[in-house]
Amino acid sequence: IEDMDIYDLNEALKQVNKADIQTSYGNLLRASKNHMREFYSQLQSRGGTYVPKYITQQEFNDIVNSPKEHGGH
């Protein structure tokens, strides 16, 4: 589900210009990426794999191979 959420949030961010909505979508996007990292890590530890259906393979690889993201201060 994070795969689809990340795709949808990226598309939504292209459509909005209000800063508060962009911030909210950005926070949701960051959380979805963190969830994807953790879910994929758990899947890999059990010998599984995942092929993204909504985001590109490159975007997926970039997400799962990057460190956990933290919110703004």
N, C-alpha and C. Protein backbone atom coordinates (compact mmCIF):
# COMPACT_ATOMS: atom_id res chain seq x y z
N ILE A 1 0.82 -1.20 0.00
CA ILE A 1 0.00 0.00 0.00
C ILE A 1 0.86 1.27 0.00
N GLU A 2 2.05 1.17 0.59
CA GLU A 2 2.93 2.35 0.61
C GLU A 2 3.37 2.72 -0.81
N ASP A 3 3.52 1.72 -1.65
CA ASP A 3 3.87 1.94 -3.05
C ASP A 3 2.84 2.88 -3.69
N MET A 4 1.58 2.55 -3.54
CA MET A 4 0.51 3.38 -4.12
C MET A 4 0.42 4.73 -3.42
N ASP A 5 0.57 4.74 -2.10
CA ASP A 5 0.51 6.01 -1.36
C ASP A 5 1.59 6.98 -1.83
N ILE A 6 2.80 6.47 -2.00
CA ILE A 6 3.91 7.32 -2.45
C ILE A 6 3.61 7.89 -3.83
N TYR A 7 3.14 7.05 -4.71
CA TYR A 7 2.77 7.53 -6.06
C TYR A 7 1.69 8.61 -5.97
N ASP A 8 0.62 8.32 -5.23
CA ASP A 8 -0.49 9.27 -5.11
C ASP A 8 -0.07 10.59 -4.48
N LEU A 9 0.75 10.52 -3.45
CA LEU A 9 1.20 11.75 -2.79
C LEU A 9 2.10 12.58 -3.71
N ASN A 10 2.97 11.92 -4.44
CA ASN A 10 3.80 12.66 -5.41
C ASN A 10 2.95 13.35 -6.46
N GLU A 11 1.92 12.66 -6.94
CA GLU A 11 1.02 13.26 -7.92
C GLU A 11 0.24 14.42 -7.30
N ALA A 12 -0.23 14.26 -6.07
CA ALA A 12 -0.98 15.31 -5.40
C ALA A 12 -0.12 16.55 -5.17
N LEU A 13 1.15 16.33 -4.83
CA LEU A 13 2.05 17.46 -4.60
C LEU A 13 2.24 18.32 -5.85
N LYS A 14 2.09 17.71 -7.01
CA LYS A 14 2.20 18.45 -8.27
C LYS A 14 1.00 19.37 -8.50
N GLN A 15 -0.09 19.10 -7.79
CA GLN A 15 -1.34 19.81 -8.04
C GLN A 15 -1.65 20.93 -7.04
N VAL A 16 -0.92 20.97 -5.94
CA VAL A 16 -1.24 21.96 -4.90
C VAL A 16 -0.20 23.05 -4.83
N ASN A 17 -0.64 24.22 -4.41
CA ASN A 17 0.30 25.33 -4.25
C ASN A 17 0.18 25.99 -2.88
N LYS A 18 -0.67 25.48 -2.02
CA LYS A 18 -0.79 26.01 -0.66
C LYS A 18 0.25 25.35 0.23
N ALA A 19 1.02 26.17 0.92
CA ALA A 19 2.13 25.68 1.72
C ALA A 19 1.69 24.69 2.80
N ASP A 20 0.56 24.94 3.45
CA ASP A 20 0.14 24.04 4.52
C ASP A 20 -0.23 22.65 3.98
N ILE A 21 -0.83 22.61 2.81
CA ILE A 21 -1.17 21.33 2.20
C ILE A 21 0.09 20.62 1.71
N GLN A 22 1.02 21.38 1.13
CA GLN A 22 2.29 20.79 0.71
C GLN A 22 3.04 20.19 1.90
N THR A 23 3.01 20.89 3.03
CA THR A 23 3.67 20.39 4.24
C THR A 23 3.01 19.10 4.71
N SER A 24 1.69 19.08 4.71
CA SER A 24 0.97 17.87 5.14
C SER A 24 1.27 16.70 4.22
N TYR A 25 1.21 16.93 2.92
CA TYR A 25 1.51 15.86 1.96
C TYR A 25 2.97 15.41 2.10
N GLY A 26 3.86 16.36 2.32
CA GLY A 26 5.27 16.03 2.49
C GLY A 26 5.50 15.16 3.72
N ASN A 27 4.80 15.48 4.81
CA ASN A 27 4.91 14.66 6.02
C ASN A 27 4.37 13.25 5.78
N LEU A 28 3.25 13.16 5.09
CA LEU A 28 2.68 11.84 4.77
C LEU A 28 3.61 11.06 3.85
N LEU A 29 4.22 11.73 2.90
CA LEU A 29 5.15 11.09 1.98
C LEU A 29 6.37 10.55 2.73
N ARG A 30 6.90 11.34 3.60
CA ARG A 30 8.06 10.92 4.41
C ARG A 30 7.70 9.68 5.24
N ALA A 31 6.52 9.69 5.85
CA ALA A 31 6.08 8.55 6.65
C ALA A 31 5.91 7.31 5.78
N SER A 32 5.32 7.47 4.60
CA SER A 32 5.14 6.31 3.71
C SER A 32 6.47 5.73 3.27
N LYS A 33 7.44 6.59 3.01
CA LYS A 33 8.77 6.09 2.64
C LYS A 33 9.40 5.34 3.81
N ASN A 34 9.25 5.86 5.02
CA ASN A 34 9.79 5.16 6.19
C ASN A 34 9.11 3.81 6.38
N HIS A 35 7.81 3.78 6.20
CA HIS A 35 7.09 2.50 6.31
C HIS A 35 7.58 1.53 5.26
N MET A 36 7.76 2.01 4.03
CA MET A 36 8.23 1.14 2.96
C MET A 36 9.60 0.56 3.30
N ARG A 37 10.49 1.40 3.81
CA ARG A 37 11.82 0.92 4.19
C ARG A 37 11.72 -0.21 5.21
N GLU A 38 10.90 0.00 6.22
CA GLU A 38 10.77 -0.99 7.29
C GLU A 38 10.09 -2.26 6.79
N PHE A 39 9.00 -2.13 6.05
CA PHE A 39 8.32 -3.31 5.52
C PHE A 39 9.24 -4.12 4.62
N TYR A 40 9.98 -3.43 3.77
CA TYR A 40 10.88 -4.12 2.85
C TYR A 40 12.02 -4.79 3.60
N SER A 41 12.54 -4.13 4.61
CA SER A 41 13.59 -4.72 5.43
C SER A 41 13.11 -6.02 6.07
N GLN A 42 11.90 -5.98 6.61
CA GLN A 42 11.33 -7.17 7.24
C GLN A 42 11.10 -8.27 6.20
N LEU A 43 10.62 -7.90 5.04
CA LEU A 43 10.38 -8.87 3.97
C LEU A 43 11.70 -9.52 3.54
N GLN A 44 12.73 -8.72 3.36
CA GLN A 44 14.04 -9.24 2.97
C GLN A 44 14.60 -10.19 4.02
N SER A 45 14.41 -9.85 5.29
CA SER A 45 14.95 -10.70 6.36
C SER A 45 14.29 -12.07 6.38
N ARG A 46 13.15 -12.18 5.72
CA ARG A 46 12.44 -13.46 5.64
C ARG A 46 12.60 -14.10 4.25
N GLY A 47 13.53 -13.56 3.46
CA GLY A 47 13.84 -14.13 2.16
C GLY A 47 12.93 -13.67 1.04
N GLY A 48 12.09 -12.67 1.29
CA GLY A 48 11.17 -12.17 0.27
C GLY A 48 11.74 -11.03 -0.52
N THR A 49 10.99 -10.63 -1.51
CA THR A 49 11.35 -9.49 -2.35
C THR A 49 10.07 -8.77 -2.75
N TYR A 50 10.21 -7.62 -3.34
CA TYR A 50 9.05 -6.84 -3.76
C TYR A 50 9.38 -6.10 -5.05
N VAL A 51 8.44 -6.10 -5.97
CA VAL A 51 8.56 -5.34 -7.21
C VAL A 51 7.46 -4.28 -7.17
N PRO A 52 7.83 -3.00 -7.22
CA PRO A 52 6.82 -1.94 -7.14
C PRO A 52 5.85 -1.96 -8.32
N LYS A 53 4.62 -1.56 -8.03
CA LYS A 53 3.58 -1.54 -9.07
C LYS A 53 3.21 -0.12 -9.49
N TYR A 54 3.48 0.86 -8.64
CA TYR A 54 3.05 2.23 -8.92
C TYR A 54 4.23 3.19 -9.12
N ILE A 55 5.23 3.08 -8.27
CA ILE A 55 6.42 3.90 -8.45
C ILE A 55 7.42 3.10 -9.29
N THR A 56 8.41 3.79 -9.82
CA THR A 56 9.40 3.10 -10.64
C THR A 56 10.33 2.25 -9.77
N GLN A 57 10.97 1.29 -10.41
CA GLN A 57 11.94 0.46 -9.70
C GLN A 57 13.06 1.33 -9.15
N GLN A 58 13.49 2.33 -9.93
CA GLN A 58 14.56 3.22 -9.48
C GLN A 58 14.14 4.01 -8.24
N GLU A 59 12.93 4.53 -8.26
CA GLU A 59 12.44 5.28 -7.10
C GLU A 59 12.37 4.37 -5.87
N PHE A 60 11.87 3.16 -6.07
CA PHE A 60 11.80 2.18 -4.98
C PHE A 60 13.20 1.92 -4.42
N ASN A 61 14.15 1.63 -5.32
CA ASN A 61 15.53 1.37 -4.89
C ASN A 61 16.11 2.54 -4.12
N ASP A 62 15.86 3.75 -4.62
CA ASP A 62 16.36 4.94 -3.94
C ASP A 62 15.79 5.05 -2.53
N ILE A 63 14.51 4.74 -2.38
CA ILE A 63 13.86 4.83 -1.06
C ILE A 63 14.43 3.79 -0.11
N VAL A 64 14.41 2.52 -0.53
CA VAL A 64 14.81 1.45 0.41
C VAL A 64 16.30 1.45 0.70
N ASN A 65 17.08 2.13 -0.12
CA ASN A 65 18.53 2.20 0.11
C ASN A 65 18.96 3.52 0.74
N SER A 66 18.00 4.29 1.22
CA SER A 66 18.33 5.56 1.87
C SER A 66 17.93 5.48 3.35
N PRO A 67 18.51 6.33 4.18
CA PRO A 67 18.21 6.27 5.61
C PRO A 67 16.80 6.78 5.94
N LYS A 68 16.35 6.41 7.11
CA LYS A 68 15.07 6.87 7.62
C LYS A 68 15.00 8.39 7.59
N GLU A 69 13.86 8.92 7.22
CA GLU A 69 13.67 10.37 7.15
C GLU A 69 12.97 10.85 8.41
N HIS A 70 13.32 12.05 8.83
CA HIS A 70 12.73 12.65 10.02
C HIS A 70 11.99 13.92 9.62
N GLY A 71 10.99 14.28 10.39
CA GLY A 71 10.19 15.47 10.10
C GLY A 71 10.95 16.75 10.34
N GLY A 72 10.41 17.82 9.79
CA GLY A 72 11.01 19.14 9.98
C GLY A 72 10.86 19.61 11.41
N HIS A 73 11.64 20.57 11.76
CA HIS A 73 11.61 21.09 13.14
C HIS A 73 11.02 22.47 13.18
